[in-house]
Amino acid sequence: MTRFRLKKKSSRRGTSMVEMAIVLPVFLVLVFGMLDLAAGVFRYNMLAQAARQGVRQAIVHGSLADRLGPWGPAAYSSTGADGHAIADVVRPSLATLDPAEVTLETEWLDGNNELNQPVRVTVSAPYQPMMTFIFGNPSITLRATSTMPIAH
C-alpha cells in the first residue's frame, strides 16, 4: 500500500516579502550613498585639476614674463565666471560645475612675483549631497589648493 504524504502548508508564507521590505531600503541607501560619495569625489577632482591648471599658468606669469604679461603680486579673489585671465584659464577645468558658484583665490605667498617665489591657487565650490533625508540638509564646501614656485 502506497502512502501519500500530505504536504503541510508552510507557516513561513510571506517571509520573503517581509525580509525584502527590511533589506531593500538598507541596500538602496548604501547604493545611493556610494553614488553620492562618488559624485562628491568627482567634483573634488575637478576642483583639484582646476587649481593645478591655475597655478601652472600663474608660475609662468611672474615678473620676468614680458611676452605673457606678469600676474600679481596683488592677491586675486573672484568667481570662475569673472572675465579675469586666471578665471579664463581655470574655467575649462570646471566641466560640470557652474562657474558662478566656484570661488578662485590666487595668492603670491611672499608678496612678490619674483623667480622661485611661491604662488598658490585655491578653488572652492559648494556641494549639496543627494542623500539629504539621512544627513539633514548639509552644504559642504569642497576646496582644492595647489602651490608652485614661479618659473618665469
Protein backbone atom coordinates (compact mmCIF):
# COMPACT_ATOMS: atom_id res chain seq x y z
CA MET A 1 0.00 0.00 0.00
CA THR A 2 1.33 3.32 -1.01
CA ARG A 3 1.11 6.06 1.46
CA PHE A 4 0.63 9.53 0.23
CA ARG A 5 2.07 12.23 2.31
CA LEU A 6 0.04 15.31 2.52
CA LYS A 7 2.08 18.46 2.41
CA LYS A 8 1.55 20.74 5.30
CA LYS A 9 1.02 24.30 4.37
CA SER A 10 4.12 26.30 5.18
CA SER A 11 3.83 28.61 8.11
CA ARG A 12 6.52 30.80 6.52
CA ARG A 13 4.40 32.25 3.77
CA GLY A 14 5.23 35.91 3.13
CA THR A 15 8.56 35.89 4.97
CA SER A 16 10.43 36.70 1.77
CA MET A 17 8.29 39.78 1.34
CA VAL A 18 8.99 40.91 4.92
CA GLU A 19 12.72 40.26 4.55
CA MET A 20 12.79 42.23 1.31
CA ALA A 21 10.91 45.10 2.98
CA ILE A 22 13.64 45.23 5.63
CA VAL A 23 16.73 44.67 3.46
CA LEU A 24 15.79 46.67 0.33
CA PRO A 25 15.77 50.14 1.96
CA VAL A 26 19.16 49.46 3.59
CA PHE A 27 20.56 48.24 0.27
CA LEU A 28 19.22 51.25 -1.62
CA VAL A 29 20.64 53.69 0.96
CA LEU A 30 24.05 52.03 0.59
CA VAL A 31 23.94 52.13 -3.21
CA PHE A 32 22.74 55.73 -3.43
CA GLY A 33 25.19 56.72 -0.67
CA MET A 34 28.05 55.30 -2.74
CA LEU A 35 26.81 57.18 -5.81
CA ASP A 36 26.59 60.36 -3.75
CA LEU A 37 30.12 59.90 -2.46
CA ALA A 38 31.37 59.21 -5.99
CA ALA A 39 29.75 62.44 -7.23
CA GLY A 40 31.45 64.37 -4.42
CA VAL A 41 34.84 62.83 -5.19
CA PHE A 42 34.38 63.57 -8.90
CA ARG A 43 33.54 67.19 -8.10
CA TYR A 44 36.58 67.50 -5.81
CA ASN A 45 38.85 66.07 -8.54
CA MET A 46 37.55 68.69 -10.99
CA LEU A 47 38.37 71.41 -8.46
CA ALA A 48 41.85 69.97 -7.88
CA GLN A 49 42.51 69.90 -11.63
CA ALA A 50 41.31 73.50 -11.94
CA ALA A 51 43.65 74.56 -9.11
CA ARG A 52 46.58 72.80 -10.81
CA GLN A 53 45.83 74.46 -14.14
CA GLY A 54 45.51 77.86 -12.47
CA VAL A 55 48.82 77.59 -10.64
CA ARG A 56 50.59 76.23 -13.74
CA GLN A 57 49.60 79.39 -15.59
CA ALA A 58 50.44 81.64 -12.64
CA ILE A 59 54.02 80.33 -12.40
CA VAL A 60 54.79 81.40 -15.96
CA HIS A 61 53.34 84.87 -15.40
CA GLY A 62 55.99 86.03 -12.94
CA SER A 63 57.83 89.35 -13.02
CA LEU A 64 60.04 88.18 -15.92
CA ALA A 65 57.09 87.33 -18.20
CA ASP A 66 57.38 90.14 -20.72
CA ARG A 67 55.51 88.39 -23.57
CA LEU A 68 52.79 86.79 -21.47
CA GLY A 69 52.45 89.71 -19.08
CA PRO A 70 53.04 89.38 -15.36
CA TRP A 71 50.28 88.49 -12.91
CA GLY A 72 50.25 89.60 -9.29
CA PRO A 73 51.64 90.14 -6.76
CA ALA A 74 48.32 91.53 -5.53
CA ALA A 75 46.05 88.71 -4.35
CA TYR A 76 43.14 87.88 -6.63
CA SER A 77 39.79 86.56 -5.44
CA SER A 78 36.65 86.16 -7.53
CA THR A 79 34.35 83.60 -9.13
CA GLY A 80 35.00 81.34 -12.09
CA ALA A 81 32.62 83.42 -14.21
CA ASP A 82 34.80 86.53 -13.89
CA GLY A 83 36.49 87.82 -17.05
CA HIS A 84 39.97 87.84 -15.45
CA ALA A 85 42.76 85.86 -17.11
CA ILE A 86 43.05 83.45 -14.16
CA ALA A 87 39.32 82.67 -14.35
CA ASP A 88 39.65 82.14 -18.11
CA VAL A 89 42.41 79.57 -17.50
CA VAL A 90 40.51 77.71 -14.77
CA ARG A 91 37.04 77.70 -16.37
CA PRO A 92 37.65 74.84 -18.90
CA SER A 93 38.50 72.51 -15.99
CA LEU A 94 35.12 73.17 -14.38
CA ALA A 95 33.25 70.99 -16.87
CA THR A 96 30.02 70.22 -15.00
CA LEU A 97 30.19 72.98 -12.40
CA ASP A 98 28.54 76.37 -12.57
CA PRO A 99 31.46 78.84 -12.80
CA ALA A 100 29.44 81.46 -10.90
CA GLU A 101 29.42 79.15 -7.84
CA VAL A 102 33.16 78.47 -7.95
CA THR A 103 35.44 80.74 -5.92
CA LEU A 104 39.01 81.38 -7.09
CA GLU A 105 41.76 82.74 -4.87
CA THR A 106 45.31 83.40 -6.07
CA GLU A 107 48.00 84.44 -3.60
CA TRP A 108 51.66 85.24 -4.01
CA LEU A 109 52.80 83.95 -0.63
CA ASP A 110 55.92 86.10 -0.23
CA GLY A 111 54.20 89.22 -1.52
CA ASN A 112 56.04 89.38 -4.84
CA ASN A 113 56.06 87.60 -8.18
CA GLU A 114 59.82 87.14 -8.47
CA LEU A 115 61.50 83.96 -9.71
CA ASN A 116 61.22 80.94 -7.35
CA GLN A 117 58.68 82.64 -5.07
CA PRO A 118 55.62 80.50 -4.27
CA VAL A 119 52.19 81.18 -5.72
CA ARG A 120 49.05 79.40 -4.50
CA VAL A 121 45.71 78.93 -6.25
CA THR A 122 42.68 77.79 -4.24
CA VAL A 123 39.46 76.74 -5.94
CA SER A 124 36.33 76.02 -3.91
CA ALA A 125 32.69 75.22 -4.64
CA PRO A 126 29.65 74.14 -2.63
CA TYR A 127 28.45 70.54 -2.82
CA GLN A 128 24.91 69.52 -1.88
CA PRO A 129 24.67 65.74 -1.27
CA MET A 130 21.66 63.89 -2.71
CA MET A 131 21.08 61.91 0.49
CA THR A 132 19.73 64.84 2.46
CA PHE A 133 16.98 62.78 4.08
CA ILE A 134 19.67 60.97 6.11
CA PHE A 135 22.16 63.73 6.81
CA GLY A 136 19.79 66.68 7.07
CA ASN A 137 20.46 69.46 4.60
CA PRO A 138 24.23 69.94 4.70
CA SER A 139 26.05 72.05 2.18
CA ILE A 140 29.69 71.03 2.06
CA THR A 141 32.33 73.36 0.68
CA LEU A 142 34.88 71.43 -1.34
CA ARG A 143 38.26 73.18 -1.55
CA ALA A 144 41.37 72.29 -3.56
CA THR A 145 44.71 74.09 -3.33
CA SER A 146 47.87 73.93 -5.43
CA THR A 147 51.17 75.72 -4.73
CA MET A 148 54.22 76.00 -7.01
CA PRO A 149 57.28 78.24 -7.32
CA ILE A 150 57.29 80.87 -10.07
CA ALA A 151 59.30 79.62 -13.03
CA HIS A 152 59.39 82.67 -15.26
